[in-house]
Amino acid sequence: MRQTCLRVLLYLGSVYDPNLLTLSFPEYILRELEMTRSSGTEKRKIIQYHFLVWKDFQAPEHPAGILKYIRRVNEAYSLEKGPILIHCR
């Protein structure tokens, strides 16, 4: 996980366990994290989709990868799981 993402999670007052699940695909990584509030009172499972092939300040070279990624996120999403958070650097 990039240091930027880690700093955001720690800023939110949470501790995470990065060892639950990591699946690597050519264009993205899917991670399952367990977040625990620093007070230890609440735990949440977070699914992180990390798109890898989007260069800074440019569009992806081929649309197939980003479309496959969006389809994967949409298939996994439901209202019961809560909102989708998009983090761009």
PDB file of N, CA and C in Angstrom:
ATOM      1  N   MET A   1       0.852  -1.170   0.000  1.00  0.00           N
ATOM      2  CA  MET A   1       0.000   0.000   0.000  1.00  0.00           C
ATOM      3  C   MET A   1       0.898   1.233   0.000  1.00  0.00           C
ATOM      4  N   ARG A   2       0.521   2.210  -0.776  1.00  0.00           N
ATOM      5  CA  ARG A   2       1.306   3.441  -0.853  1.00  0.00           C
ATOM      6  C   ARG A   2       1.277   4.186   0.474  1.00  0.00           C
ATOM      7  N   GLN A   3       2.340   4.903   0.745  1.00  0.00           N
ATOM      8  CA  GLN A   3       2.426   5.666   1.988  1.00  0.00           C
ATOM      9  C   GLN A   3       1.323   6.716   2.075  1.00  0.00           C
ATOM     10  N   THR A   4       0.912   7.296   0.937  1.00  0.00           N
ATOM     11  CA  THR A   4      -0.165   8.288   0.950  1.00  0.00           C
ATOM     12  C   THR A   4      -1.444   7.690   1.511  1.00  0.00           C
ATOM     13  N   CYS A   5      -1.813   6.496   1.048  1.00  0.00           N
ATOM     14  CA  CYS A   5      -3.030   5.838   1.541  1.00  0.00           C
ATOM     15  C   CYS A   5      -2.919   5.527   3.021  1.00  0.00           C
ATOM     16  N   LEU A   6      -1.763   5.040   3.429  1.00  0.00           N
ATOM     17  CA  LEU A   6      -1.557   4.710   4.834  1.00  0.00           C
ATOM     18  C   LEU A   6      -1.705   5.944   5.712  1.00  0.00           C
ATOM     19  N   ARG A   7      -1.165   7.075   5.286  1.00  0.00           N
ATOM     20  CA  ARG A   7      -1.288   8.314   6.072  1.00  0.00           C
ATOM     21  C   ARG A   7      -2.745   8.731   6.216  1.00  0.00           C
ATOM     22  N   VAL A   8      -3.533   8.588   5.148  1.00  0.00           N
ATOM     23  CA  VAL A   8      -4.958   8.944   5.218  1.00  0.00           C
ATOM     24  C   VAL A   8      -5.664   8.063   6.230  1.00  0.00           C
ATOM     25  N   LEU A   9      -5.411   6.763   6.204  1.00  0.00           N
ATOM     26  CA  LEU A   9      -6.068   5.848   7.141  1.00  0.00           C
ATOM     27  C   LEU A   9      -5.671   6.156   8.580  1.00  0.00           C
ATOM     28  N   LEU A  10      -4.409   6.422   8.809  1.00  0.00           N
ATOM     29  CA  LEU A  10      -3.967   6.738  10.167  1.00  0.00           C
ATOM     30  C   LEU A  10      -4.530   8.075  10.636  1.00  0.00           C
ATOM     31  N   TYR A  11      -4.656   9.038   9.735  1.00  0.00           N
ATOM     32  CA  TYR A  11      -5.236  10.337  10.066  1.00  0.00           C
ATOM     33  C   TYR A  11      -6.678  10.174  10.539  1.00  0.00           C
ATOM     34  N   LEU A  12      -7.389   9.227   9.972  1.00  0.00           N
ATOM     35  CA  LEU A  12      -8.784   9.010  10.349  1.00  0.00           C
ATOM     36  C   LEU A  12      -8.926   8.329  11.711  1.00  0.00           C
ATOM     37  N   GLY A  13      -7.813   8.070  12.384  1.00  0.00           N
ATOM     38  CA  GLY A  13      -7.859   7.509  13.730  1.00  0.00           C
ATOM     39  C   GLY A  13      -8.095   6.016  13.760  1.00  0.00           C
ATOM     40  N   SER A  14      -7.616   5.325  12.744  1.00  0.00           N
ATOM     41  CA  SER A  14      -7.840   3.894  12.658  1.00  0.00           C
ATOM     42  C   SER A  14      -6.523   3.144  12.536  1.00  0.00           C
ATOM     43  N   VAL A  15      -6.574   1.900  12.945  1.00  0.00           N
ATOM     44  CA  VAL A  15      -5.453   0.980  12.782  1.00  0.00           C
ATOM     45  C   VAL A  15      -5.953  -0.084  11.831  1.00  0.00           C
ATOM     46  N   TYR A  16      -5.103  -0.540  10.916  1.00  0.00           N
ATOM     47  CA  TYR A  16      -5.593  -1.530   9.966  1.00  0.00           C
ATOM     48  C   TYR A  16      -4.733  -2.782   9.973  1.00  0.00           C
ATOM     49  N   ASP A  17      -5.365  -3.886   9.583  1.00  0.00           N
ATOM     50  CA  ASP A  17      -4.679  -5.163   9.423  1.00  0.00           C
ATOM     51  C   ASP A  17      -4.612  -5.445   7.929  1.00  0.00           C
ATOM     52  N   PRO A  18      -3.421  -5.342   7.320  1.00  0.00           N
ATOM     53  CA  PRO A  18      -3.316  -5.490   5.862  1.00  0.00           C
ATOM     54  C   PRO A  18      -3.234  -6.935   5.390  1.00  0.00           C
ATOM     55  N   ASN A  19      -3.314  -7.890   6.285  1.00  0.00           N
ATOM     56  CA  ASN A  19      -3.024  -9.267   5.915  1.00  0.00           C
ATOM     57  C   ASN A  19      -4.247 -10.134   5.645  1.00  0.00           C
ATOM     58  N   LEU A  20      -5.400  -9.561   5.468  1.00  0.00           N
ATOM     59  CA  LEU A  20      -6.591 -10.381   5.270  1.00  0.00           C
ATOM     60  C   LEU A  20      -6.647 -10.995   3.880  1.00  0.00           C
ATOM     61  N   LEU A  21      -6.563 -10.174   2.835  1.00  0.00           N
ATOM     62  CA  LEU A  21      -6.662 -10.682   1.468  1.00  0.00           C
ATOM     63  C   LEU A  21      -6.050  -9.681   0.506  1.00  0.00           C
ATOM     64  N   THR A  22      -5.267 -10.174  -0.433  1.00  0.00           N
ATOM     65  CA  THR A  22      -4.745  -9.350  -1.520  1.00  0.00           C
ATOM     66  C   THR A  22      -4.811 -10.192  -2.783  1.00  0.00           C
ATOM     67  N   LEU A  23      -5.520  -9.677  -3.794  1.00  0.00           N
ATOM     68  CA  LEU A  23      -5.588 -10.327  -5.093  1.00  0.00           C
ATOM     69  C   LEU A  23      -4.992  -9.382  -6.122  1.00  0.00           C
ATOM     70  N   SER A  24      -4.048  -9.864  -6.898  1.00  0.00           N
ATOM     71  CA  SER A  24      -3.385  -9.023  -7.899  1.00  0.00           C
ATOM     72  C   SER A  24      -3.866  -9.391  -9.300  1.00  0.00           C
ATOM     73  N   PHE A  25      -4.213  -8.364 -10.052  1.00  0.00           N
ATOM     74  CA  PHE A  25      -4.617  -8.482 -11.443  1.00  0.00           C
ATOM     75  C   PHE A  25      -3.704  -7.587 -12.273  1.00  0.00           C
ATOM     76  N   PRO A  26      -3.649  -7.754 -13.597  1.00  0.00           N
ATOM     77  CA  PRO A  26      -2.732  -6.934 -14.392  1.00  0.00           C
ATOM     78  C   PRO A  26      -2.935  -5.423 -14.239  1.00  0.00           C
ATOM     79  N   GLU A  27      -4.193  -4.974 -14.114  1.00  0.00           N
ATOM     80  CA  GLU A  27      -4.455  -3.536 -14.053  1.00  0.00           C
ATOM     81  C   GLU A  27      -4.757  -3.004 -12.651  1.00  0.00           C
ATOM     82  N   TYR A  28      -5.042  -3.889 -11.700  1.00  0.00           N
ATOM     83  CA  TYR A  28      -5.414  -3.409 -10.370  1.00  0.00           C
ATOM     84  C   TYR A  28      -5.127  -4.456  -9.307  1.00  0.00           C
ATOM     85  N   ILE A  29      -5.172  -3.991  -8.056  1.00  0.00           N
ATOM     86  CA  ILE A  29      -5.028  -4.860  -6.896  1.00  0.00           C
ATOM     87  C   ILE A  29      -6.290  -4.706  -6.049  1.00  0.00           C
ATOM     88  N   LEU A  30      -6.813  -5.805  -5.570  1.00  0.00           N
ATOM     89  CA  LEU A  30      -7.963  -5.791  -4.670  1.00  0.00           C
ATOM     90  C   LEU A  30      -7.444  -6.187  -3.292  1.00  0.00           C
ATOM     91  N   ARG A  31      -7.682  -5.353  -2.300  1.00  0.00           N
ATOM     92  CA  ARG A  31      -7.244  -5.638  -0.928  1.00  0.00           C
ATOM     93  C   ARG A  31      -8.440  -5.628   0.010  1.00  0.00           C
ATOM     94  N   GLU A  32      -8.439  -6.545   0.944  1.00  0.00           N
ATOM     95  CA  GLU A  32      -9.428  -6.538   2.015  1.00  0.00           C
ATOM     96  C   GLU A  32      -8.686  -6.139   3.283  1.00  0.00           C
ATOM     97  N   LEU A  33      -9.137  -5.086   3.911  1.00  0.00           N
ATOM     98  CA  LEU A  33      -8.507  -4.558   5.113  1.00  0.00           C
ATOM     99  C   LEU A  33      -9.512  -4.600   6.255  1.00  0.00           C
ATOM    100  N   GLU A  34      -9.019  -4.753   7.459  1.00  0.00           N
ATOM    101  CA  GLU A  34      -9.887  -4.619   8.621  1.00  0.00           C
ATOM    102  C   GLU A  34      -9.422  -3.393   9.387  1.00  0.00           C
ATOM    103  N   MET A  35     -10.318  -2.447   9.514  1.00  0.00           N
ATOM    104  CA  MET A  35     -10.012  -1.198  10.207  1.00  0.00           C
ATOM    105  C   MET A  35     -10.586  -1.267  11.620  1.00  0.00           C
ATOM    106  N   THR A  36      -9.807  -0.829  12.580  1.00  0.00           N
ATOM    107  CA  THR A  36     -10.249  -0.759  13.965  1.00  0.00           C
ATOM    108  C   THR A  36      -9.981   0.637  14.474  1.00  0.00           C
ATOM    109  N   ARG A  37     -10.982   1.265  15.047  1.00  0.00           N
ATOM    110  CA  ARG A  37     -10.777   2.595  15.637  1.00  0.00           C
ATOM    111  C   ARG A  37      -9.705   2.501  16.707  1.00  0.00           C
ATOM    112  N   SER A  38      -8.952   3.573  16.860  1.00  0.00           N
ATOM    113  CA  SER A  38      -7.879   3.591  17.864  1.00  0.00           C
ATOM    114  C   SER A  38      -8.398   3.255  19.255  1.00  0.00           C
ATOM    115  N   SER A  39      -9.649   3.617  19.519  1.00  0.00           N
ATOM    116  CA  SER A  39     -10.244   3.319  20.821  1.00  0.00           C
ATOM    117  C   SER A  39     -10.599   1.838  20.951  1.00  0.00           C
ATOM    118  N   GLY A  40     -10.566   1.098  19.830  1.00  0.00           N
ATOM    119  CA  GLY A  40     -10.868  -0.326  19.851  1.00  0.00           C
ATOM    120  C   GLY A  40     -12.345  -0.656  19.922  1.00  0.00           C
ATOM    121  N   THR A  41     -13.208   0.344  19.742  1.00  0.00           N
ATOM    122  CA  THR A  41     -14.645   0.130  19.925  1.00  0.00           C
ATOM    123  C   THR A  41     -15.369  -0.308  18.661  1.00  0.00           C
ATOM    124  N   GLU A  42     -14.793  -0.131  17.505  1.00  0.00           N
ATOM    125  CA  GLU A  42     -15.516  -0.431  16.270  1.00  0.00           C
ATOM    126  C   GLU A  42     -14.556  -1.005  15.228  1.00  0.00           C
ATOM    127  N   LYS A  43     -15.012  -2.072  14.543  1.00  0.00           N
ATOM    128  CA  LYS A  43     -14.233  -2.665  13.455  1.00  0.00           C
ATOM    129  C   LYS A  43     -15.055  -2.611  12.182  1.00  0.00           C
ATOM    130  N   ARG A  44     -14.363  -2.409  11.059  1.00  0.00           N
ATOM    131  CA  ARG A  44     -15.023  -2.424   9.758  1.00  0.00           C
ATOM    132  C   ARG A  44     -14.140  -3.126   8.744  1.00  0.00           C
ATOM    133  N   LYS A  45     -14.787  -3.815   7.833  1.00  0.00           N
ATOM    134  CA  LYS A  45     -14.064  -4.422   6.718  1.00  0.00           C
ATOM    135  C   LYS A  45     -14.107  -3.428   5.558  1.00  0.00           C
ATOM    136  N   ILE A  46     -12.970  -3.151   4.986  1.00  0.00           N
ATOM    137  CA  ILE A  46     -12.846  -2.223   3.862  1.00  0.00           C
ATOM    138  C   ILE A  46     -12.298  -3.006   2.677  1.00  0.00           C
ATOM    139  N   ILE A  47     -12.904  -2.823   1.514  1.00  0.00           N
ATOM    140  CA  ILE A  47     -12.387  -3.398   0.279  1.00  0.00           C
ATOM    141  C   ILE A  47     -11.760  -2.251  -0.506  1.00  0.00           C
ATOM    142  N   GLN A  48     -10.485  -2.384  -0.806  1.00  0.00           N
ATOM    143  CA  GLN A  48      -9.777  -1.354  -1.568  1.00  0.00           C
ATOM    144  C   GLN A  48      -9.493  -1.891  -2.967  1.00  0.00           C
ATOM    145  N   TYR A  49      -9.907  -1.123  -3.970  1.00  0.00           N
ATOM    146  CA  TYR A  49      -9.582  -1.408  -5.359  1.00  0.00           C
ATOM    147  C   TYR A  49      -8.535  -0.384  -5.780  1.00  0.00           C
ATOM    148  N   HIS A  50      -7.353  -0.837  -6.092  1.00  0.00           N
ATOM    149  CA  HIS A  50      -6.223   0.045  -6.399  1.00  0.00           C
ATOM    150  C   HIS A  50      -5.879  -0.113  -7.880  1.00  0.00           C
ATOM    151  N   PHE A  51      -6.263   0.882  -8.694  1.00  0.00           N
ATOM    152  CA  PHE A  51      -5.984   0.843 -10.129  1.00  0.00           C
ATOM    153  C   PHE A  51      -4.533   1.242 -10.347  1.00  0.00           C
ATOM    154  N   LEU A  52      -3.789   0.441 -11.102  1.00  0.00           N
ATOM    155  CA  LEU A  52      -2.337   0.599 -11.192  1.00  0.00           C
ATOM    156  C   LEU A  52      -1.836   1.292 -12.456  1.00  0.00           C
ATOM    157  N   VAL A  53      -2.585   1.254 -13.528  1.00  0.00           N
ATOM    158  CA  VAL A  53      -2.016   1.674 -14.810  1.00  0.00           C
ATOM    159  C   VAL A  53      -2.549   3.005 -15.318  1.00  0.00           C
ATOM    160  N   TRP A  54      -2.802   3.921 -14.424  1.00  0.00           N
ATOM    161  CA  TRP A  54      -3.234   5.267 -14.798  1.00  0.00           C
ATOM    162  C   TRP A  54      -2.115   6.215 -14.412  1.00  0.00           C
ATOM    163  N   LYS A  55      -1.404   6.695 -15.409  1.00  0.00           N
ATOM    164  CA  LYS A  55      -0.276   7.580 -15.153  1.00  0.00           C
ATOM    165  C   LYS A  55      -0.772   8.952 -14.711  1.00  0.00           C
ATOM    166  N   ASP A  56       0.016   9.622 -13.876  1.00  0.00           N
ATOM    167  CA  ASP A  56      -0.353  10.959 -13.410  1.00  0.00           C
ATOM    168  C   ASP A  56      -0.574  11.912 -14.581  1.00  0.00           C
ATOM    169  N   PHE A  57      -1.653  12.660 -14.513  1.00  0.00           N
ATOM    170  CA  PHE A  57      -1.968  13.725 -15.462  1.00  0.00           C
ATOM    171  C   PHE A  57      -2.198  13.215 -16.884  1.00  0.00           C
ATOM    172  N   GLN A  58      -2.544  11.950 -17.057  1.00  0.00           N
ATOM    173  CA  GLN A  58      -2.820  11.400 -18.374  1.00  0.00           C
ATOM    174  C   GLN A  58      -4.013  10.458 -18.284  1.00  0.00           C
ATOM    175  N   ALA A  59      -4.637  10.232 -19.419  1.00  0.00           N
ATOM    176  CA  ALA A  59      -5.706   9.239 -19.494  1.00  0.00           C
ATOM    177  C   ALA A  59      -5.079   7.856 -19.692  1.00  0.00           C
ATOM    178  N   PRO A  60      -5.776   6.798 -19.301  1.00  0.00           N
ATOM    179  CA  PRO A  60      -5.247   5.463 -19.575  1.00  0.00           C
ATOM    180  C   PRO A  60      -5.031   5.269 -21.072  1.00  0.00           C
ATOM    181  N   GLU A  61      -3.994   4.526 -21.417  1.00  0.00           N
ATOM    182  CA  GLU A  61      -3.662   4.320 -22.830  1.00  0.00           C
ATOM    183  C   GLU A  61      -4.734   3.509 -23.554  1.00  0.00           C
ATOM    184  N   HIS A  62      -5.323   2.518 -22.887  1.00  0.00           N
ATOM    185  CA  HIS A  62      -6.351   1.664 -23.483  1.00  0.00           C
ATOM    186  C   HIS A  62      -7.554   1.614 -22.551  1.00  0.00           C
ATOM    187  N   PRO A  63      -8.773   1.721 -23.076  1.00  0.00           N
ATOM    188  CA  PRO A  63      -9.953   1.734 -22.215  1.00  0.00           C
ATOM    189  C   PRO A  63     -10.326   0.380 -21.620  1.00  0.00           C
ATOM    190  N   ALA A  64      -9.851  -0.715 -22.181  1.00  0.00           N
ATOM    191  CA  ALA A  64     -10.278  -2.045 -21.722  1.00  0.00           C
ATOM    192  C   ALA A  64      -9.987  -2.259 -20.239  1.00  0.00           C
ATOM    193  N   GLY A  65      -8.812  -1.855 -19.759  1.00  0.00           N
ATOM    194  CA  GLY A  65      -8.438  -2.070 -18.359  1.00  0.00           C
ATOM    195  C   GLY A  65      -9.320  -1.315 -17.394  1.00  0.00           C
ATOM    196  N   ILE A  66      -9.572  -0.036 -17.670  1.00  0.00           N
ATOM    197  CA  ILE A  66     -10.396   0.774 -16.761  1.00  0.00           C
ATOM    198  C   ILE A  66     -11.853   0.308 -16.803  1.00  0.00           C
ATOM    199  N   LEU A  67     -12.334  -0.131 -17.969  1.00  0.00           N
ATOM    200  CA  LEU A  67     -13.706  -0.626 -18.054  1.00  0.00           C
ATOM    201  C   LEU A  67     -13.885  -1.927 -17.271  1.00  0.00           C
ATOM    202  N   LYS A  68     -12.909  -2.811 -17.345  1.00  0.00           N
ATOM    203  CA  LYS A  68     -12.942  -4.063 -16.579  1.00  0.00           C
ATOM    204  C   LYS A  68     -12.935  -3.756 -15.080  1.00  0.00           C
ATOM    205  N   TYR A  69     -12.122  -2.788 -14.688  1.00  0.00           N
ATOM    206  CA  TYR A  69     -12.012  -2.357 -13.291  1.00  0.00           C
ATOM    207  C   TYR A  69     -13.355  -1.797 -12.789  1.00  0.00           C
ATOM    208  N   ILE A  70     -13.974  -0.931 -13.565  1.00  0.00           N
ATOM    209  CA  ILE A  70     -15.264  -0.343 -13.179  1.00  0.00           C
ATOM    210  C   ILE A  70     -16.324  -1.428 -13.066  1.00  0.00           C
ATOM    211  N   ARG A  71     -16.331  -2.386 -13.998  1.00  0.00           N
ATOM    212  CA  ARG A  71     -17.286  -3.493 -13.932  1.00  0.00           C
ATOM    213  C   ARG A  71     -17.104  -4.293 -12.644  1.00  0.00           C
ATOM    214  N   ARG A  72     -15.853  -4.555 -12.275  1.00  0.00           N
ATOM    215  CA  ARG A  72     -15.565  -5.334 -11.050  1.00  0.00           C
ATOM    216  C   ARG A  72     -16.076  -4.598  -9.811  1.00  0.00           C
ATOM    217  N   VAL A  73     -15.836  -3.293  -9.735  1.00  0.00           N
ATOM    218  CA  VAL A  73     -16.305  -2.499  -8.596  1.00  0.00           C
ATOM    219  C   VAL A  73     -17.833  -2.496  -8.553  1.00  0.00           C
ATOM    220  N   ASN A  74     -18.478  -2.288  -9.690  1.00  0.00           N
ATOM    221  CA  ASN A  74     -19.944  -2.254  -9.739  1.00  0.00           C
ATOM    222  C   ASN A  74     -20.570  -3.591  -9.362  1.00  0.00           C
ATOM    223  N   GLU A  75     -19.935  -4.696  -9.737  1.00  0.00           N
ATOM    224  CA  GLU A  75     -20.454  -6.023  -9.380  1.00  0.00           C
ATOM    225  C   GLU A  75     -20.412  -6.252  -7.872  1.00  0.00           C
ATOM    226  N   ALA A  76     -19.419  -5.719  -7.216  1.00  0.00           N
ATOM    227  CA  ALA A  76     -19.237  -5.947  -5.780  1.00  0.00           C
ATOM    228  C   ALA A  76     -20.030  -4.970  -4.918  1.00  0.00           C
ATOM    229  N   TYR A  77     -20.473  -3.865  -5.487  1.00  0.00           N
ATOM    230  CA  TYR A  77     -21.114  -2.813  -4.698  1.00  0.00           C
ATOM    231  C   TYR A  77     -22.561  -3.150  -4.353  1.00  0.00           C
ATOM    232  N   SER A  78     -22.969  -2.756  -3.158  1.00  0.00           N
ATOM    233  CA  SER A  78     -24.373  -2.776  -2.761  1.00  0.00           C
ATOM    234  C   SER A  78     -24.581  -1.661  -1.740  1.00  0.00           C
ATOM    235  N   LEU A  79     -25.815  -1.188  -1.621  1.00  0.00           N
ATOM    236  CA  LEU A  79     -26.125  -0.111  -0.680  1.00  0.00           C
ATOM    237  C   LEU A  79     -25.817  -0.512   0.760  1.00  0.00           C
ATOM    238  N   GLU A  80     -25.974  -1.798   1.079  1.00  0.00           N
ATOM    239  CA  GLU A  80     -25.734  -2.271   2.440  1.00  0.00           C
ATOM    240  C   GLU A  80     -24.267  -2.133   2.853  1.00  0.00           C
ATOM    241  N   LYS A  81     -23.367  -2.125   1.888  1.00  0.00           N
ATOM    242  CA  LYS A  81     -21.945  -2.022   2.192  1.00  0.00           C
ATOM    243  C   LYS A  81     -21.492  -0.595   2.444  1.00  0.00           C
ATOM    244  N   GLY A  82     -22.377   0.358   2.200  1.00  0.00           N
ATOM    245  CA  GLY A  82     -22.013   1.754   2.449  1.00  0.00           C
ATOM    246  C   GLY A  82     -21.468   2.425   1.203  1.00  0.00           C
ATOM    247  N   PRO A  83     -21.018   3.660   1.382  1.00  0.00           N
ATOM    248  CA  PRO A  83     -20.585   4.448   0.222  1.00  0.00           C
ATOM    249  C   PRO A  83     -19.247   3.971  -0.357  1.00  0.00           C
ATOM    250  N   ILE A  84     -19.043   4.360  -1.609  1.00  0.00           N
ATOM    251  CA  ILE A  84     -17.760   4.135  -2.266  1.00  0.00           C
ATOM    252  C   ILE A  84     -16.941   5.403  -2.077  1.00  0.00           C
ATOM    253  N   LEU A  85     -15.721   5.249  -1.620  1.00  0.00           N
ATOM    254  CA  LEU A  85     -14.821   6.369  -1.451  1.00  0.00           C
ATOM    255  C   LEU A  85     -13.780   6.301  -2.562  1.00  0.00           C
ATOM    256  N   ILE A  86     -13.635   7.390  -3.301  1.00  0.00           N
ATOM    257  CA  ILE A  86     -12.647   7.458  -4.372  1.00  0.00           C
ATOM    258  C   ILE A  86     -11.518   8.339  -3.901  1.00  0.00           C
ATOM    259  N   HIS A  87     -10.331   7.798  -3.951  1.00  0.00           N
ATOM    260  CA  HIS A  87      -9.138   8.521  -3.462  1.00  0.00           C
ATOM    261  C   HIS A  87      -8.188   8.719  -4.629  1.00  0.00           C
ATOM    262  N   CYS A  88      -7.924   9.943  -4.977  1.00  0.00           N
ATOM    263  CA  CYS A  88      -6.976  10.256  -6.049  1.00  0.00           C
ATOM    264  C   CYS A  88      -5.813  11.002  -5.440  1.00  0.00           C
ATOM    265  N   ARG A  89      -4.756  10.289  -5.211  1.00  0.00           N
ATOM    266  CA  ARG A  89      -3.534  10.851  -4.622  1.00  0.00           C
ATOM    267  C   ARG A  89      -3.823  11.858  -3.589  1.00  0.00           C
TER     268      ARG A  89
END
